[in-house]
Amino acid sequence: MARSPTFKRKRLTELYASLPATKKYPGKEKVRGEVAAKLSQKILDKGNQRGDC
């Protein structure tokens, strides 16, 4: 059985900016709004599957 390679632990500060940013950050409020919309849709879909509505 093949073993996975082990990696040395690194601090987050060492990893900072190691990956390129491919898109601009839209802002905290917009991200929160998107998450709230997805969660509410998920809750509504789950309720509709059970026939509660």
PDB file of N, CA and C in Angstrom:
ATOM      1  N   MET A   1       0.851  -1.180   0.000  1.00  0.00           N
ATOM      2  CA  MET A   1       0.000   0.000   0.000  1.00  0.00           C
ATOM      3  C   MET A   1       0.901   1.250   0.000  1.00  0.00           C
ATOM      4  N   ALA A   2       0.610   2.170  -0.870  1.00  0.00           N
ATOM      5  CA  ALA A   2       1.399   3.403  -0.972  1.00  0.00           C
ATOM      6  C   ALA A   2       1.064   4.353   0.163  1.00  0.00           C
ATOM      7  N   ARG A   3       2.071   5.013   0.665  1.00  0.00           N
ATOM      8  CA  ARG A   3       1.872   5.973   1.747  1.00  0.00           C
ATOM      9  C   ARG A   3       1.797   7.372   1.178  1.00  0.00           C
ATOM     10  N   SER A   4       0.990   8.175   1.799  1.00  0.00           N
ATOM     11  CA  SER A   4       0.899   9.581   1.401  1.00  0.00           C
ATOM     12  C   SER A   4       2.117  10.326   1.918  1.00  0.00           C
ATOM     13  N   PRO A   5       2.588  11.301   1.177  1.00  0.00           N
ATOM     14  CA  PRO A   5       3.737  12.075   1.675  1.00  0.00           C
ATOM     15  C   PRO A   5       3.319  12.931   2.868  1.00  0.00           C
ATOM     16  N   THR A   6       4.226  13.089   3.791  1.00  0.00           N
ATOM     17  CA  THR A   6       3.945  13.938   4.951  1.00  0.00           C
ATOM     18  C   THR A   6       4.499  15.329   4.684  1.00  0.00           C
ATOM     19  N   PHE A   7       3.828  16.307   5.221  1.00  0.00           N
ATOM     20  CA  PHE A   7       4.224  17.691   5.030  1.00  0.00           C
ATOM     21  C   PHE A   7       4.569  18.310   6.367  1.00  0.00           C
ATOM     22  N   LYS A   8       5.566  19.185   6.349  1.00  0.00           N
ATOM     23  CA  LYS A   8       5.917  19.914   7.552  1.00  0.00           C
ATOM     24  C   LYS A   8       4.828  20.910   7.870  1.00  0.00           C
ATOM     25  N   ARG A   9       4.529  21.061   9.123  1.00  0.00           N
ATOM     26  CA  ARG A   9       3.534  22.051   9.543  1.00  0.00           C
ATOM     27  C   ARG A   9       4.066  23.446   9.338  1.00  0.00           C
ATOM     28  N   LYS A  10       3.208  24.327   8.858  1.00  0.00           N
ATOM     29  CA  LYS A  10       3.605  25.717   8.664  1.00  0.00           C
ATOM     30  C   LYS A  10       2.610  26.617   9.368  1.00  0.00           C
ATOM     31  N   ARG A  11       3.088  27.769   9.733  1.00  0.00           N
ATOM     32  CA  ARG A  11       2.202  28.756  10.339  1.00  0.00           C
ATOM     33  C   ARG A  11       1.409  29.448   9.238  1.00  0.00           C
ATOM     34  N   LEU A  12       0.259  29.980   9.598  1.00  0.00           N
ATOM     35  CA  LEU A  12      -0.556  30.691   8.625  1.00  0.00           C
ATOM     36  C   LEU A  12       0.176  31.884   8.036  1.00  0.00           C
ATOM     37  N   THR A  13       1.001  32.524   8.859  1.00  0.00           N
ATOM     38  CA  THR A  13       1.738  33.682   8.352  1.00  0.00           C
ATOM     39  C   THR A  13       2.725  33.284   7.249  1.00  0.00           C
ATOM     40  N   GLU A  14       3.213  32.051   7.286  1.00  0.00           N
ATOM     41  CA  GLU A  14       4.112  31.576   6.240  1.00  0.00           C
ATOM     42  C   GLU A  14       3.349  31.297   4.942  1.00  0.00           C
ATOM     43  N   LEU A  15       2.086  30.947   5.064  1.00  0.00           N
ATOM     44  CA  LEU A  15       1.282  30.625   3.888  1.00  0.00           C
ATOM     45  C   LEU A  15       0.601  31.843   3.286  1.00  0.00           C
ATOM     46  N   TYR A  16       0.590  32.954   3.994  1.00  0.00           N
ATOM     47  CA  TYR A  16      -0.082  34.161   3.548  1.00  0.00           C
ATOM     48  C   TYR A  16       0.441  34.591   2.181  1.00  0.00           C
ATOM     49  N   ALA A  17      -0.473  34.825   1.273  1.00  0.00           N
ATOM     50  CA  ALA A  17      -0.176  35.283  -0.095  1.00  0.00           C
ATOM     51  C   ALA A  17       0.578  34.248  -0.920  1.00  0.00           C
ATOM     52  N   SER A  18       0.539  32.994  -0.524  1.00  0.00           N
ATOM     53  CA  SER A  18       1.203  31.971  -1.328  1.00  0.00           C
ATOM     54  C   SER A  18       0.351  31.575  -2.523  1.00  0.00           C
ATOM     55  N   LEU A  19      -0.961  31.810  -2.442  1.00  0.00           N
ATOM     56  CA  LEU A  19      -1.851  31.555  -3.565  1.00  0.00           C
ATOM     57  C   LEU A  19      -2.315  32.884  -4.148  1.00  0.00           C
ATOM     58  N   PRO A  20      -2.381  32.973  -5.455  1.00  0.00           N
ATOM     59  CA  PRO A  20      -2.801  34.236  -6.061  1.00  0.00           C
ATOM     60  C   PRO A  20      -4.302  34.471  -5.877  1.00  0.00           C
ATOM     61  N   ALA A  21      -4.676  35.713  -5.718  1.00  0.00           N
ATOM     62  CA  ALA A  21      -6.088  36.078  -5.627  1.00  0.00           C
ATOM     63  C   ALA A  21      -6.621  36.194  -7.051  1.00  0.00           C
ATOM     64  N   THR A  22      -7.605  35.369  -7.381  1.00  0.00           N
ATOM     65  CA  THR A  22      -8.106  35.362  -8.748  1.00  0.00           C
ATOM     66  C   THR A  22      -9.342  36.241  -8.915  1.00  0.00           C
ATOM     67  N   LYS A  23     -10.005  36.575  -7.813  1.00  0.00           N
ATOM     68  CA  LYS A  23     -11.145  37.482  -7.922  1.00  0.00           C
ATOM     69  C   LYS A  23     -11.180  38.410  -6.715  1.00  0.00           C
ATOM     70  N   LYS A  24     -11.794  39.531  -6.901  1.00  0.00           N
ATOM     71  CA  LYS A  24     -11.836  40.547  -5.863  1.00  0.00           C
ATOM     72  C   LYS A  24     -12.830  40.155  -4.766  1.00  0.00           C
ATOM     73  N   TYR A  25     -12.499  40.453  -3.528  1.00  0.00           N
ATOM     74  CA  TYR A  25     -13.371  40.168  -2.399  1.00  0.00           C
ATOM     75  C   TYR A  25     -14.552  41.140  -2.412  1.00  0.00           C
ATOM     76  N   PRO A  26     -15.797  40.632  -2.436  1.00  0.00           N
ATOM     77  CA  PRO A  26     -16.951  41.516  -2.579  1.00  0.00           C
ATOM     78  C   PRO A  26     -17.318  42.303  -1.320  1.00  0.00           C
ATOM     79  N   GLY A  27     -16.825  41.911  -0.178  1.00  0.00           N
ATOM     80  CA  GLY A  27     -17.144  42.599   1.068  1.00  0.00           C
ATOM     81  C   GLY A  27     -17.924  41.692   2.013  1.00  0.00           C
ATOM     82  N   LYS A  28     -17.745  41.956   3.284  1.00  0.00           N
ATOM     83  CA  LYS A  28     -18.326  41.102   4.320  1.00  0.00           C
ATOM     84  C   LYS A  28     -19.850  41.076   4.262  1.00  0.00           C
ATOM     85  N   GLU A  29     -20.472  42.223   4.085  1.00  0.00           N
ATOM     86  CA  GLU A  29     -21.941  42.283   4.075  1.00  0.00           C
ATOM     87  C   GLU A  29     -22.535  41.510   2.897  1.00  0.00           C
ATOM     88  N   LYS A  30     -21.928  41.615   1.745  1.00  0.00           N
ATOM     89  CA  LYS A  30     -22.430  40.898   0.573  1.00  0.00           C
ATOM     90  C   LYS A  30     -22.290  39.390   0.769  1.00  0.00           C
ATOM     91  N   VAL A  31     -21.153  38.959   1.303  1.00  0.00           N
ATOM     92  CA  VAL A  31     -20.933  37.533   1.549  1.00  0.00           C
ATOM     93  C   VAL A  31     -21.951  37.017   2.561  1.00  0.00           C
ATOM     94  N   ARG A  32     -22.196  37.777   3.622  1.00  0.00           N
ATOM     95  CA  ARG A  32     -23.190  37.367   4.619  1.00  0.00           C
ATOM     96  C   ARG A  32     -24.583  37.259   4.006  1.00  0.00           C
ATOM     97  N   GLY A  33     -24.917  38.187   3.122  1.00  0.00           N
ATOM     98  CA  GLY A  33     -26.213  38.146   2.450  1.00  0.00           C
ATOM     99  C   GLY A  33     -26.361  36.911   1.574  1.00  0.00           C
ATOM    100  N   GLU A  34     -25.302  36.570   0.851  1.00  0.00           N
ATOM    101  CA  GLU A  34     -25.329  35.383  -0.002  1.00  0.00           C
ATOM    102  C   GLU A  34     -25.486  34.111   0.833  1.00  0.00           C
ATOM    103  N   VAL A  35     -24.773  34.044   1.944  1.00  0.00           N
ATOM    104  CA  VAL A  35     -24.857  32.867   2.818  1.00  0.00           C
ATOM    105  C   VAL A  35     -26.270  32.758   3.416  1.00  0.00           C
ATOM    106  N   ALA A  36     -26.817  33.876   3.855  1.00  0.00           N
ATOM    107  CA  ALA A  36     -28.163  33.870   4.425  1.00  0.00           C
ATOM    108  C   ALA A  36     -29.189  33.418   3.391  1.00  0.00           C
ATOM    109  N   ALA A  37     -29.057  33.875   2.156  1.00  0.00           N
ATOM    110  CA  ALA A  37     -29.991  33.488   1.105  1.00  0.00           C
ATOM    111  C   ALA A  37     -29.901  31.989   0.819  1.00  0.00           C
ATOM    112  N   LYS A  38     -28.687  31.454   0.756  1.00  0.00           N
ATOM    113  CA  LYS A  38     -28.520  30.024   0.490  1.00  0.00           C
ATOM    114  C   LYS A  38     -29.058  29.178   1.630  1.00  0.00           C
ATOM    115  N   LEU A  39     -28.795  29.603   2.875  1.00  0.00           N
ATOM    116  CA  LEU A  39     -29.292  28.834   4.019  1.00  0.00           C
ATOM    117  C   LEU A  39     -30.816  28.861   4.090  1.00  0.00           C
ATOM    118  N   SER A  40     -31.410  30.014   3.847  1.00  0.00           N
ATOM    119  CA  SER A  40     -32.875  30.097   3.898  1.00  0.00           C
ATOM    120  C   SER A  40     -33.498  29.257   2.788  1.00  0.00           C
ATOM    121  N   GLN A  41     -32.883  29.253   1.601  1.00  0.00           N
ATOM    122  CA  GLN A  41     -33.402  28.429   0.503  1.00  0.00           C
ATOM    123  C   GLN A  41     -33.292  26.951   0.851  1.00  0.00           C
ATOM    124  N   LYS A  42     -32.201  26.571   1.482  1.00  0.00           N
ATOM    125  CA  LYS A  42     -32.006  25.176   1.888  1.00  0.00           C
ATOM    126  C   LYS A  42     -33.061  24.758   2.911  1.00  0.00           C
ATOM    127  N   ILE A  43     -33.344  25.643   3.857  1.00  0.00           N
ATOM    128  CA  ILE A  43     -34.362  25.351   4.880  1.00  0.00           C
ATOM    129  C   ILE A  43     -35.746  25.234   4.242  1.00  0.00           C
ATOM    130  N   LEU A  44     -36.049  26.146   3.324  1.00  0.00           N
ATOM    131  CA  LEU A  44     -37.346  26.098   2.647  1.00  0.00           C
ATOM    132  C   LEU A  44     -37.488  24.836   1.802  1.00  0.00           C
ATOM    133  N   ASP A  45     -36.433  24.455   1.100  1.00  0.00           N
ATOM    134  CA  ASP A  45     -36.474  23.242   0.286  1.00  0.00           C
ATOM    135  C   ASP A  45     -36.664  22.006   1.150  1.00  0.00           C
ATOM    136  N   LYS A  46     -36.010  21.978   2.293  1.00  0.00           N
ATOM    137  CA  LYS A  46     -36.131  20.829   3.196  1.00  0.00           C
ATOM    138  C   LYS A  46     -37.561  20.739   3.733  1.00  0.00           C
ATOM    139  N   GLY A  47     -38.150  21.887   4.059  1.00  0.00           N
ATOM    140  CA  GLY A  47     -39.530  21.901   4.547  1.00  0.00           C
ATOM    141  C   GLY A  47     -40.509  21.454   3.486  1.00  0.00           C
ATOM    142  N   ASN A  48     -40.266  21.840   2.223  1.00  0.00           N
ATOM    143  CA  ASN A  48     -41.163  21.454   1.138  1.00  0.00           C
ATOM    144  C   ASN A  48     -41.085  19.953   0.850  1.00  0.00           C
ATOM    145  N   GLN A  49     -39.944  19.356   1.080  1.00  0.00           N
ATOM    146  CA  GLN A  49     -39.798  17.921   0.845  1.00  0.00           C
ATOM    147  C   GLN A  49     -40.615  17.115   1.846  1.00  0.00           C
ATOM    148  N   ARG A  50     -40.724  17.622   3.067  1.00  0.00           N
ATOM    149  CA  ARG A  50     -41.483  16.914   4.101  1.00  0.00           C
ATOM    150  C   ARG A  50     -42.968  17.236   4.022  1.00  0.00           C
ATOM    151  N   GLY A  51     -43.334  18.281   3.285  1.00  0.00           N
ATOM    152  CA  GLY A  51     -44.744  18.644   3.173  1.00  0.00           C
ATOM    153  C   GLY A  51     -45.242  19.479   4.335  1.00  0.00           C
ATOM    154  N   ASP A  52     -44.331  20.182   5.040  1.00  0.00           N
ATOM    155  CA  ASP A  52     -44.730  20.986   6.181  1.00  0.00           C
ATOM    156  C   ASP A  52     -45.416  22.285   5.770  1.00  0.00           C
ATOM    157  N   CYS A  53     -45.129  22.789   4.581  1.00  0.00           N
ATOM    158  CA  CYS A  53     -45.657  24.089   4.161  1.00  0.00           C
ATOM    159  C   CYS A  53     -47.054  24.001   3.636  1.00  0.00           C
TER     160      CYS A  53
END
